[in-house]
Amino acid sequence: MFLNAGGRQFIDASYVSGTDSDGDGRASLAADLNDDGRLELIVRQCGGGPLQVYENHFPQQHYLKVSLRGTTSNRLGVGARLIATVGKRQLVRERFPINSYLSQAPLVVHFGLGDAAQIDQLVIQWPSGKTSELSSLAADQHLVVTEGSEGFQVAKPGEVIQP
């Protein structure tokens, strides 16, 4: 496991984090398994072996999670580009399924926001060519955005949002 120390500098933190498994790990992905906004690391061993989950114990920071519901575009918004403006920074994510050998990540776009408690603007460029724009969004929530609709819904853990 490597930690970004700023810019292009990384520190090998495998030993101190306990992620230096001697297993034959073939699949890994990051997902927020406990809905705290911090991504956990999940590793699948080849040939069976235990599924390893490394819970994220880093200090809590702000985040935004976004799920997409396409209407003109495909149902899951696959291929959408999301641009979050936070102060002078732009964070860009693209909605593509994250699949690797023996694993698949949830279809949720995750923005790590650090100390920022608000997203100034979120622009979603849908595969259909439509654009959704949302402004002044509070951090630390999970939004469900439907293509062609004004606004969004907020998803709560365990709650089912009807289309």
N, C-alpha and C. Protein backbone atom coordinates (compact mmCIF):
# COMPACT_ATOMS: atom_id res chain seq x y z
N MET A 1 0.85 -1.16 0.00
CA MET A 1 0.00 0.00 0.00
C MET A 1 0.90 1.22 0.00
N PHE A 2 0.62 2.12 -0.90
CA PHE A 2 1.41 3.33 -1.02
C PHE A 2 0.56 4.54 -0.63
N LEU A 3 1.13 5.44 0.16
CA LEU A 3 0.46 6.68 0.56
C LEU A 3 1.07 7.83 -0.22
N ASN A 4 0.22 8.70 -0.74
CA ASN A 4 0.71 9.87 -1.44
C ASN A 4 1.26 10.85 -0.43
N ALA A 5 2.52 11.25 -0.62
CA ALA A 5 3.17 12.19 0.27
C ALA A 5 3.23 13.58 -0.36
N GLY A 6 2.42 13.79 -1.38
CA GLY A 6 2.39 15.08 -2.06
C GLY A 6 2.99 14.96 -3.45
N GLY A 7 2.26 15.45 -4.43
CA GLY A 7 2.75 15.39 -5.81
C GLY A 7 2.95 13.97 -6.28
N ARG A 8 4.15 13.66 -6.72
CA ARG A 8 4.46 12.33 -7.24
C ARG A 8 5.30 11.51 -6.26
N GLN A 9 5.25 11.87 -5.01
CA GLN A 9 6.02 11.13 -4.00
C GLN A 9 5.08 10.20 -3.23
N PHE A 10 5.51 8.95 -3.09
CA PHE A 10 4.72 7.95 -2.40
C PHE A 10 5.58 7.24 -1.37
N ILE A 11 4.92 6.82 -0.29
CA ILE A 11 5.58 6.09 0.79
C ILE A 11 4.98 4.70 0.85
N ASP A 12 5.84 3.68 0.91
CA ASP A 12 5.38 2.30 1.04
C ASP A 12 4.94 2.09 2.49
N ALA A 13 3.63 1.97 2.71
CA ALA A 13 3.08 1.80 4.05
C ALA A 13 2.51 0.40 4.25
N SER A 14 2.92 -0.54 3.43
CA SER A 14 2.36 -1.89 3.48
C SER A 14 2.57 -2.54 4.84
N TYR A 15 3.78 -2.49 5.36
CA TYR A 15 4.07 -3.18 6.62
C TYR A 15 3.31 -2.55 7.78
N VAL A 16 3.38 -1.24 7.92
CA VAL A 16 2.75 -0.58 9.07
C VAL A 16 1.22 -0.63 9.02
N SER A 17 0.66 -0.79 7.81
CA SER A 17 -0.80 -0.84 7.68
C SER A 17 -1.36 -2.25 7.80
N GLY A 18 -0.48 -3.26 7.75
CA GLY A 18 -0.92 -4.64 7.82
C GLY A 18 -1.40 -5.18 6.49
N THR A 19 -1.17 -4.45 5.41
CA THR A 19 -1.63 -4.90 4.09
C THR A 19 -0.56 -5.70 3.35
N ASP A 20 0.51 -6.06 4.04
CA ASP A 20 1.60 -6.80 3.39
C ASP A 20 1.36 -8.30 3.48
N SER A 21 0.22 -8.74 3.06
CA SER A 21 -0.16 -10.14 3.09
C SER A 21 0.78 -10.97 2.22
N ASP A 22 1.06 -12.19 2.65
CA ASP A 22 1.89 -13.08 1.84
C ASP A 22 1.03 -14.01 0.99
N GLY A 23 -0.28 -13.73 0.93
CA GLY A 23 -1.20 -14.51 0.11
C GLY A 23 -1.02 -14.19 -1.37
N ASP A 24 -1.74 -14.90 -2.19
CA ASP A 24 -1.67 -14.71 -3.63
C ASP A 24 -2.84 -13.83 -4.06
N GLY A 25 -2.79 -12.55 -3.67
CA GLY A 25 -3.86 -11.61 -3.97
C GLY A 25 -3.93 -11.32 -5.46
N ARG A 26 -5.10 -11.52 -6.05
CA ARG A 26 -5.25 -11.30 -7.48
C ARG A 26 -6.25 -10.21 -7.81
N ALA A 27 -7.09 -9.85 -6.87
CA ALA A 27 -8.10 -8.84 -7.14
C ALA A 27 -8.15 -7.88 -5.96
N SER A 28 -8.24 -6.61 -6.27
CA SER A 28 -8.41 -5.62 -5.21
C SER A 28 -9.30 -4.50 -5.72
N LEU A 29 -10.04 -3.93 -4.81
CA LEU A 29 -10.86 -2.77 -5.14
C LEU A 29 -11.12 -1.98 -3.87
N ALA A 30 -11.55 -0.76 -4.08
CA ALA A 30 -11.88 0.12 -2.96
C ALA A 30 -13.37 0.38 -2.98
N ALA A 31 -13.99 0.30 -1.80
CA ALA A 31 -15.43 0.55 -1.67
C ALA A 31 -15.73 0.99 -0.25
N ASP A 32 -16.73 1.82 -0.08
CA ASP A 32 -17.15 2.28 1.24
C ASP A 32 -18.15 1.27 1.82
N LEU A 33 -17.64 0.29 2.52
CA LEU A 33 -18.47 -0.81 3.01
C LEU A 33 -19.33 -0.44 4.22
N ASN A 34 -18.91 0.53 5.01
CA ASN A 34 -19.65 0.87 6.23
C ASN A 34 -20.28 2.26 6.19
N ASP A 35 -20.41 2.84 5.00
CA ASP A 35 -21.08 4.13 4.79
C ASP A 35 -20.56 5.27 5.66
N ASP A 36 -19.22 5.29 5.86
CA ASP A 36 -18.65 6.41 6.60
C ASP A 36 -17.91 7.39 5.69
N GLY A 37 -17.97 7.15 4.37
CA GLY A 37 -17.33 8.03 3.41
C GLY A 37 -15.87 7.72 3.16
N ARG A 38 -15.32 6.75 3.89
CA ARG A 38 -13.92 6.35 3.69
C ARG A 38 -13.90 5.00 2.98
N LEU A 39 -13.08 4.91 1.95
CA LEU A 39 -13.02 3.69 1.16
C LEU A 39 -12.18 2.62 1.84
N GLU A 40 -12.74 1.42 1.93
CA GLU A 40 -12.00 0.28 2.44
C GLU A 40 -11.33 -0.42 1.27
N LEU A 41 -10.30 -1.20 1.56
CA LEU A 41 -9.59 -1.98 0.54
C LEU A 41 -10.02 -3.43 0.70
N ILE A 42 -10.48 -4.04 -0.39
CA ILE A 42 -10.91 -5.43 -0.38
C ILE A 42 -9.98 -6.19 -1.32
N VAL A 43 -9.42 -7.30 -0.82
CA VAL A 43 -8.48 -8.10 -1.60
C VAL A 43 -8.98 -9.54 -1.65
N ARG A 44 -9.02 -10.10 -2.85
CA ARG A 44 -9.46 -11.49 -3.06
C ARG A 44 -8.25 -12.33 -3.42
N GLN A 45 -8.09 -13.43 -2.69
CA GLN A 45 -6.97 -14.34 -2.92
C GLN A 45 -7.29 -15.31 -4.06
N CYS A 46 -6.30 -15.68 -4.83
CA CYS A 46 -6.48 -16.65 -5.90
C CYS A 46 -6.57 -18.05 -5.30
N GLY A 47 -7.39 -18.90 -5.91
CA GLY A 47 -7.49 -20.28 -5.45
C GLY A 47 -8.27 -20.43 -4.17
N GLY A 48 -9.17 -19.51 -3.91
CA GLY A 48 -9.95 -19.59 -2.67
C GLY A 48 -9.35 -18.64 -1.64
N GLY A 49 -8.94 -19.18 -0.53
CA GLY A 49 -8.34 -18.32 0.49
C GLY A 49 -9.33 -17.29 0.99
N PRO A 50 -8.99 -16.63 2.05
CA PRO A 50 -9.93 -15.66 2.64
C PRO A 50 -10.02 -14.37 1.85
N LEU A 51 -11.19 -13.80 1.88
CA LEU A 51 -11.39 -12.45 1.37
C LEU A 51 -10.86 -11.53 2.46
N GLN A 52 -9.98 -10.62 2.11
CA GLN A 52 -9.40 -9.73 3.11
C GLN A 52 -10.00 -8.33 2.95
N VAL A 53 -10.47 -7.78 4.06
CA VAL A 53 -11.02 -6.43 4.06
C VAL A 53 -10.17 -5.60 5.02
N TYR A 54 -9.62 -4.53 4.49
CA TYR A 54 -8.80 -3.62 5.30
C TYR A 54 -9.62 -2.37 5.55
N GLU A 55 -10.11 -2.23 6.77
CA GLU A 55 -10.95 -1.08 7.11
C GLU A 55 -10.11 0.19 7.16
N ASN A 56 -10.65 1.25 6.62
CA ASN A 56 -9.96 2.53 6.55
C ASN A 56 -10.05 3.23 7.91
N HIS A 57 -8.90 3.42 8.55
CA HIS A 57 -8.85 4.09 9.85
C HIS A 57 -8.17 5.46 9.77
N PHE A 58 -8.01 5.96 8.56
CA PHE A 58 -7.44 7.29 8.43
C PHE A 58 -8.41 8.30 9.02
N PRO A 59 -7.93 9.48 9.41
CA PRO A 59 -8.84 10.49 9.97
C PRO A 59 -9.97 10.81 9.01
N GLN A 60 -11.14 11.04 9.57
CA GLN A 60 -12.33 11.35 8.75
C GLN A 60 -12.11 12.64 7.98
N GLN A 61 -12.41 12.60 6.70
CA GLN A 61 -12.36 13.76 5.82
C GLN A 61 -13.72 13.86 5.13
N HIS A 62 -13.94 14.93 4.41
CA HIS A 62 -15.20 15.12 3.72
C HIS A 62 -15.22 14.34 2.40
N TYR A 63 -16.41 14.02 1.93
CA TYR A 63 -16.59 13.23 0.72
C TYR A 63 -17.94 13.56 0.08
N LEU A 64 -18.11 13.09 -1.14
CA LEU A 64 -19.40 13.12 -1.80
C LEU A 64 -19.50 11.85 -2.62
N LYS A 65 -20.62 11.13 -2.48
CA LYS A 65 -20.87 9.95 -3.30
C LYS A 65 -22.04 10.27 -4.22
N VAL A 66 -21.95 9.80 -5.48
CA VAL A 66 -22.97 10.08 -6.46
C VAL A 66 -23.35 8.80 -7.19
N SER A 67 -24.65 8.51 -7.23
CA SER A 67 -25.18 7.43 -8.06
C SER A 67 -25.97 8.07 -9.19
N LEU A 68 -25.93 7.46 -10.35
CA LEU A 68 -26.59 8.02 -11.52
C LEU A 68 -27.73 7.14 -11.98
N ARG A 69 -28.78 7.79 -12.48
CA ARG A 69 -29.92 7.09 -13.07
C ARG A 69 -30.16 7.71 -14.44
N GLY A 70 -29.77 6.99 -15.48
CA GLY A 70 -29.98 7.48 -16.83
C GLY A 70 -31.41 7.28 -17.29
N THR A 71 -31.88 8.19 -18.12
CA THR A 71 -33.21 8.04 -18.74
C THR A 71 -33.04 7.94 -20.26
N THR A 72 -32.45 8.95 -20.87
CA THR A 72 -32.11 8.90 -22.29
C THR A 72 -30.84 8.07 -22.47
N SER A 73 -29.88 8.28 -21.60
CA SER A 73 -28.65 7.49 -21.61
C SER A 73 -28.97 6.11 -21.02
N ASN A 74 -27.99 5.26 -20.92
CA ASN A 74 -28.20 3.95 -20.30
C ASN A 74 -28.61 4.10 -18.84
N ARG A 75 -29.28 3.14 -18.31
CA ARG A 75 -29.90 3.19 -16.97
C ARG A 75 -28.94 3.54 -15.85
N LEU A 76 -27.68 3.09 -15.94
CA LEU A 76 -26.72 3.32 -14.86
C LEU A 76 -25.80 4.50 -15.10
N GLY A 77 -26.00 5.21 -16.21
CA GLY A 77 -25.16 6.37 -16.50
C GLY A 77 -23.73 6.01 -16.85
N VAL A 78 -23.51 4.77 -17.29
CA VAL A 78 -22.16 4.34 -17.65
C VAL A 78 -21.66 5.20 -18.80
N GLY A 79 -20.47 5.76 -18.63
CA GLY A 79 -19.89 6.64 -19.63
C GLY A 79 -20.03 8.11 -19.28
N ALA A 80 -20.74 8.42 -18.20
CA ALA A 80 -20.91 9.82 -17.79
C ALA A 80 -19.60 10.36 -17.22
N ARG A 81 -19.42 11.64 -17.38
CA ARG A 81 -18.24 12.34 -16.83
C ARG A 81 -18.75 13.31 -15.78
N LEU A 82 -18.18 13.26 -14.57
CA LEU A 82 -18.59 14.12 -13.46
C LEU A 82 -17.43 15.03 -13.11
N ILE A 83 -17.71 16.32 -13.03
CA ILE A 83 -16.68 17.31 -12.72
C ILE A 83 -17.14 18.09 -11.49
N ALA A 84 -16.42 17.93 -10.39
CA ALA A 84 -16.74 18.64 -9.15
C ALA A 84 -15.76 19.80 -8.98
N THR A 85 -16.28 21.00 -8.81
CA THR A 85 -15.44 22.15 -8.53
C THR A 85 -15.49 22.42 -7.03
N VAL A 86 -14.31 22.40 -6.42
CA VAL A 86 -14.17 22.60 -4.98
C VAL A 86 -13.11 23.68 -4.80
N GLY A 87 -13.58 24.91 -4.52
CA GLY A 87 -12.63 26.02 -4.46
C GLY A 87 -12.00 26.20 -5.83
N LYS A 88 -10.67 26.17 -5.88
CA LYS A 88 -9.96 26.34 -7.16
C LYS A 88 -9.62 24.99 -7.81
N ARG A 89 -10.02 23.90 -7.17
CA ARG A 89 -9.71 22.56 -7.71
C ARG A 89 -10.89 22.00 -8.49
N GLN A 90 -10.56 21.22 -9.51
CA GLN A 90 -11.57 20.45 -10.22
C GLN A 90 -11.22 18.97 -10.06
N LEU A 91 -12.20 18.20 -9.62
CA LEU A 91 -12.04 16.76 -9.48
C LEU A 91 -12.89 16.11 -10.57
N VAL A 92 -12.28 15.25 -11.36
CA VAL A 92 -12.98 14.64 -12.49
C VAL A 92 -13.06 13.14 -12.29
N ARG A 93 -14.24 12.59 -12.46
CA ARG A 93 -14.46 11.14 -12.39
C ARG A 93 -15.30 10.74 -13.60
N GLU A 94 -15.10 9.53 -14.04
CA GLU A 94 -15.92 8.99 -15.12
C GLU A 94 -16.61 7.73 -14.62
N ARG A 95 -17.89 7.59 -14.95
CA ARG A 95 -18.69 6.46 -14.47
C ARG A 95 -18.51 5.27 -15.42
N PHE A 96 -17.59 4.43 -15.05
CA PHE A 96 -17.38 3.17 -15.76
C PHE A 96 -17.33 2.07 -14.73
N PRO A 97 -17.87 0.90 -15.04
CA PRO A 97 -17.78 -0.20 -14.08
C PRO A 97 -16.31 -0.53 -13.82
N ILE A 98 -15.99 -0.70 -12.56
CA ILE A 98 -14.63 -1.08 -12.19
C ILE A 98 -14.63 -2.58 -11.99
N ASN A 99 -14.10 -3.26 -12.97
CA ASN A 99 -14.03 -4.71 -12.94
C ASN A 99 -12.57 -5.12 -13.02
N SER A 100 -12.21 -6.11 -12.25
CA SER A 100 -10.89 -6.70 -12.38
C SER A 100 -11.05 -8.20 -12.17
N TYR A 101 -9.99 -8.90 -12.23
CA TYR A 101 -10.04 -10.33 -12.07
C TYR A 101 -10.68 -10.68 -10.73
N LEU A 102 -11.80 -11.36 -10.74
CA LEU A 102 -12.54 -11.81 -9.55
C LEU A 102 -13.17 -10.70 -8.72
N SER A 103 -13.35 -9.50 -9.28
CA SER A 103 -13.96 -8.44 -8.47
C SER A 103 -14.71 -7.43 -9.33
N GLN A 104 -15.65 -6.73 -8.68
CA GLN A 104 -16.38 -5.65 -9.31
C GLN A 104 -16.77 -4.66 -8.23
N ALA A 105 -16.50 -3.39 -8.44
CA ALA A 105 -16.80 -2.35 -7.46
C ALA A 105 -18.24 -1.87 -7.61
N PRO A 106 -18.80 -1.29 -6.54
CA PRO A 106 -20.15 -0.71 -6.62
C PRO A 106 -20.20 0.41 -7.66
N LEU A 107 -21.37 0.65 -8.23
CA LEU A 107 -21.55 1.70 -9.22
C LEU A 107 -21.82 3.04 -8.55
N VAL A 108 -20.90 3.48 -7.75
CA VAL A 108 -21.00 4.75 -7.04
C VAL A 108 -19.75 5.56 -7.35
N VAL A 109 -19.93 6.81 -7.74
CA VAL A 109 -18.80 7.70 -7.99
C VAL A 109 -18.44 8.35 -6.65
N HIS A 110 -17.18 8.27 -6.26
CA HIS A 110 -16.73 8.78 -4.97
C HIS A 110 -15.75 9.93 -5.16
N PHE A 111 -16.03 11.05 -4.50
CA PHE A 111 -15.11 12.18 -4.48
C PHE A 111 -14.57 12.35 -3.07
N GLY A 112 -13.27 12.26 -2.91
CA GLY A 112 -12.64 12.61 -1.64
C GLY A 112 -12.40 14.11 -1.63
N LEU A 113 -12.90 14.80 -0.61
CA LEU A 113 -12.88 16.26 -0.61
C LEU A 113 -11.92 16.87 0.39
N GLY A 114 -11.25 16.04 1.19
CA GLY A 114 -10.33 16.58 2.19
C GLY A 114 -11.05 17.45 3.19
N ASP A 115 -10.58 18.68 3.37
CA ASP A 115 -11.17 19.61 4.35
C ASP A 115 -12.37 20.38 3.82
N ALA A 116 -12.67 20.26 2.54
CA ALA A 116 -13.76 21.04 1.94
C ALA A 116 -15.12 20.48 2.37
N ALA A 117 -15.94 21.33 2.95
CA ALA A 117 -17.27 20.92 3.43
C ALA A 117 -18.36 21.17 2.40
N GLN A 118 -17.97 21.66 1.22
CA GLN A 118 -18.96 21.97 0.19
C GLN A 118 -18.36 21.79 -1.20
N ILE A 119 -19.20 21.38 -2.12
CA ILE A 119 -18.84 21.32 -3.53
C ILE A 119 -19.49 22.54 -4.16
N ASP A 120 -18.69 23.40 -4.77
CA ASP A 120 -19.24 24.61 -5.36
C ASP A 120 -20.14 24.30 -6.55
N GLN A 121 -19.68 23.36 -7.38
CA GLN A 121 -20.49 22.99 -8.54
C GLN A 121 -20.17 21.55 -8.93
N LEU A 122 -21.22 20.81 -9.31
CA LEU A 122 -21.06 19.47 -9.85
C LEU A 122 -21.72 19.45 -11.22
N VAL A 123 -20.93 19.13 -12.24
CA VAL A 123 -21.43 19.04 -13.61
C VAL A 123 -21.37 17.58 -14.03
N ILE A 124 -22.49 17.07 -14.52
CA ILE A 124 -22.56 15.70 -15.02
C ILE A 124 -22.82 15.76 -16.51
N GLN A 125 -21.87 15.24 -17.28
CA GLN A 125 -22.02 15.16 -18.73
C GLN A 125 -22.46 13.73 -19.04
N TRP A 126 -23.74 13.58 -19.37
CA TRP A 126 -24.32 12.27 -19.62
C TRP A 126 -23.91 11.74 -20.99
N PRO A 127 -23.89 10.42 -21.17
CA PRO A 127 -23.55 9.85 -22.47
C PRO A 127 -24.45 10.33 -23.61
N SER A 128 -25.69 10.71 -23.29
CA SER A 128 -26.63 11.19 -24.31
C SER A 128 -26.26 12.57 -24.84
N GLY A 129 -25.36 13.26 -24.14
CA GLY A 129 -25.03 14.64 -24.50
C GLY A 129 -25.69 15.66 -23.60
N LYS A 130 -26.66 15.22 -22.80
CA LYS A 130 -27.30 16.13 -21.84
C LYS A 130 -26.30 16.47 -20.73
N THR A 131 -26.57 17.59 -20.05
CA THR A 131 -25.73 18.02 -18.94
C THR A 131 -26.61 18.35 -17.74
N SER A 132 -26.19 17.91 -16.57
CA SER A 132 -26.85 18.29 -15.32
C SER A 132 -25.86 19.13 -14.52
N GLU A 133 -26.35 20.21 -13.92
CA GLU A 133 -25.49 21.07 -13.11
C GLU A 133 -26.14 21.28 -11.75
N LEU A 134 -25.37 21.02 -10.70
CA LEU A 134 -25.83 21.22 -9.33
C LEU A 134 -24.84 22.15 -8.64
N SER A 135 -25.34 23.05 -7.80
CA SER A 135 -24.48 24.03 -7.15
C SER A 135 -24.62 23.98 -5.64
N SER A 136 -23.57 24.42 -4.96
CA SER A 136 -23.54 24.57 -3.50
C SER A 136 -24.04 23.31 -2.80
N LEU A 137 -23.36 22.20 -3.04
CA LEU A 137 -23.74 20.92 -2.43
C LEU A 137 -22.96 20.70 -1.15
N ALA A 138 -23.67 20.35 -0.09
CA ALA A 138 -23.01 20.00 1.16
C ALA A 138 -22.27 18.68 0.99
N ALA A 139 -21.14 18.57 1.62
CA ALA A 139 -20.35 17.33 1.57
C ALA A 139 -20.98 16.29 2.49
N ASP A 140 -20.37 15.11 2.50
CA ASP A 140 -20.73 14.02 3.40
C ASP A 140 -22.14 13.49 3.17
N GLN A 141 -22.48 13.29 1.91
CA GLN A 141 -23.77 12.72 1.58
C GLN A 141 -23.65 11.90 0.29
N HIS A 142 -24.69 11.12 0.04
CA HIS A 142 -24.76 10.27 -1.15
C HIS A 142 -25.94 10.76 -1.99
N LEU A 143 -25.64 11.31 -3.15
CA LEU A 143 -26.67 11.85 -4.02
C LEU A 143 -27.06 10.84 -5.09
N VAL A 144 -28.34 10.84 -5.45
CA VAL A 144 -28.82 10.08 -6.58
C VAL A 144 -29.36 11.11 -7.57
N VAL A 145 -28.71 11.17 -8.75
CA VAL A 145 -29.06 12.16 -9.76
C VAL A 145 -29.68 11.43 -10.95
N THR A 146 -30.87 11.88 -11.36
CA THR A 146 -31.56 11.30 -12.50
C THR A 146 -31.42 12.23 -13.69
N GLU A 147 -31.01 11.66 -14.81
CA GLU A 147 -30.81 12.42 -16.04
C GLU A 147 -32.10 13.14 -16.43
N GLY A 148 -31.97 14.44 -16.74
CA GLY A 148 -33.12 15.22 -17.19
C GLY A 148 -33.96 15.79 -16.07
N SER A 149 -33.65 15.46 -14.82
CA SER A 149 -34.43 15.97 -13.68
C SER A 149 -33.70 17.13 -13.03
N GLU A 150 -34.47 18.00 -12.45
CA GLU A 150 -33.87 19.08 -11.66
C GLU A 150 -33.53 18.53 -10.28
N GLY A 151 -32.40 18.89 -9.73
CA GLY A 151 -32.06 18.48 -8.37
C GLY A 151 -31.59 17.04 -8.27
N PHE A 152 -31.81 16.48 -7.07
CA PHE A 152 -31.29 15.16 -6.75
C PHE A 152 -32.04 14.61 -5.54
N GLN A 153 -31.83 13.35 -5.26
CA GLN A 153 -32.33 12.74 -4.03
C GLN A 153 -31.12 12.39 -3.17
N VAL A 154 -31.31 12.35 -1.86
CA VAL A 154 -30.24 11.95 -0.95
C VAL A 154 -30.51 10.53 -0.50
N ALA A 155 -29.53 9.66 -0.69
CA ALA A 155 -29.65 8.26 -0.29
C ALA A 155 -29.16 8.11 1.14
N LYS A 156 -29.94 7.45 1.95
CA LYS A 156 -29.56 7.14 3.33
C LYS A 156 -29.21 5.65 3.40
N PRO A 157 -28.27 5.27 4.26
CA PRO A 157 -27.92 3.84 4.37
C PRO A 157 -29.14 2.97 4.63
N GLY A 158 -29.29 1.92 3.84
CA GLY A 158 -30.38 0.98 4.00
C GLY A 158 -31.68 1.40 3.35
N GLU A 159 -31.74 2.60 2.80
CA GLU A 159 -32.96 3.13 2.18
C GLU A 159 -32.96 2.82 0.69
N VAL A 160 -34.11 2.45 0.16
CA VAL A 160 -34.25 2.20 -1.26
C VAL A 160 -34.90 3.42 -1.90
N ILE A 161 -34.26 3.98 -2.92
CA ILE A 161 -34.81 5.13 -3.61
C ILE A 161 -35.50 4.62 -4.87
N GLN A 162 -36.77 4.93 -4.98
CA GLN A 162 -37.56 4.48 -6.14
C GLN A 162 -37.23 5.34 -7.35
N PRO A 163 -37.21 4.74 -8.53
CA PRO A 163 -36.92 5.51 -9.75
C PRO A 163 -38.01 6.53 -10.04
